[in-house]
Amino acid sequence: MAKSEPREYRAMISDEGGIVRGRIPSPLVRDMGARAGDYMVFRSDGTGKVTMSVLRSRKSGGSAKGRTVKSARRR
C-alpha cells in the first residue's frame, strides 16, 4: 500500500467564542488557546495521524516600547 503525500488544512477562528467554520468543537479551540483571527492548522502525514496546532495571526500590536519615532527624537 502506497503512502499518500502529507497534506495541510487551515481553518480561521471566526469569533471570540471559538466557533470555527468546519464544525470544530469550541471547547477544543479554547483549550488550544486560539483567539479570533488565528488559524487552526491540521497536518496529515499520510499514515492516518493528524497533528493540530494554532498559528497566530501576524498582526503587530501592543505598545511602541523600544521603537523611536522621528518626531519624538527632534523634541
Protein backbone atom coordinates (compact mmCIF):
# COMPACT_ATOMS: atom_id res chain seq x y z
CA MET A 1 0.00 0.00 0.00
CA ALA A 2 1.47 3.35 -1.06
CA LYS A 3 1.71 6.27 1.34
CA SER A 4 -0.25 9.35 0.45
CA GLU A 5 1.52 12.70 0.48
CA PRO A 6 1.39 14.94 3.56
CA ARG A 7 -1.42 17.48 3.47
CA GLU A 8 -2.18 20.65 5.39
CA TYR A 9 -5.57 22.22 6.05
CA ARG A 10 -6.29 25.57 7.72
CA ALA A 11 -9.41 26.90 9.42
CA MET A 12 -9.69 30.51 10.59
CA ILE A 13 -11.16 31.24 14.02
CA SER A 14 -14.18 33.41 13.27
CA ASP A 15 -15.02 34.92 16.68
CA GLU A 16 -14.04 35.07 20.36
CA GLY A 17 -16.40 32.19 21.21
CA GLY A 18 -14.08 29.81 19.39
CA ILE A 19 -16.53 28.98 16.63
CA VAL A 20 -14.76 27.77 13.51
CA ARG A 21 -16.12 27.03 10.07
CA GLY A 22 -15.85 23.31 9.57
CA ARG A 23 -17.51 22.49 12.91
CA ILE A 24 -14.51 22.16 15.23
CA PRO A 25 -15.80 21.92 18.82
CA SER A 26 -15.35 25.29 20.56
CA PRO A 27 -14.07 23.79 23.88
CA LEU A 28 -11.20 22.24 21.93
CA VAL A 29 -10.42 25.59 20.31
CA ARG A 30 -10.40 27.35 23.69
CA ASP A 31 -8.16 24.64 25.22
CA MET A 32 -5.66 25.22 22.41
CA GLY A 33 -5.59 28.94 23.31
CA ALA A 34 -6.84 30.16 19.94
CA ARG A 35 -8.29 33.65 19.50
CA ALA A 36 -10.29 35.33 16.76
CA GLY A 37 -8.14 35.76 13.66
CA ASP A 38 -5.85 32.81 14.47
CA TYR A 39 -5.68 29.72 12.31
CA MET A 40 -6.10 26.10 13.34
CA VAL A 41 -3.65 24.11 11.21
CA PHE A 42 -4.19 20.40 10.61
CA ARG A 43 -1.31 18.37 9.16
CA SER A 44 -1.85 14.83 7.92
CA ASP A 45 1.28 12.72 7.45
CA GLY A 46 -0.42 10.17 5.21
CA THR A 47 -0.34 7.33 7.74
CA GLY A 48 -3.60 8.25 9.42
CA LYS A 49 -2.12 10.60 12.04
CA VAL A 50 -3.19 14.24 12.15
CA THR A 51 -1.43 16.99 14.09
CA MET A 52 -3.36 20.12 15.06
CA SER A 53 -1.70 23.41 16.01
CA VAL A 54 -2.60 27.09 16.42
CA LEU A 55 -0.98 29.65 14.13
CA ARG A 56 -1.17 33.23 15.42
CA SER A 57 -2.13 35.98 13.02
CA ARG A 58 0.77 38.26 12.12
CA LYS A 59 -0.81 41.50 13.36
CA SER A 60 1.55 43.77 15.24
CA GLY A 61 0.11 45.27 18.36
CA GLY A 62 0.90 46.41 21.83
CA SER A 63 2.90 49.37 22.99
CA ALA A 64 5.61 51.08 21.00
CA LYS A 65 8.36 50.38 23.57
CA GLY A 66 11.78 50.24 22.00
CA ARG A 67 10.65 51.98 18.84
CA THR A 68 11.70 55.58 18.28
CA VAL A 69 9.60 57.87 16.16
CA LYS A 70 11.39 60.60 14.16
CA SER A 71 9.18 63.36 15.54
CA ALA A 72 9.92 62.24 19.10
CA ARG A 73 13.69 62.42 18.52
CA ARG A 74 13.54 66.07 17.41
CA ARG A 75 11.91 67.31 20.60
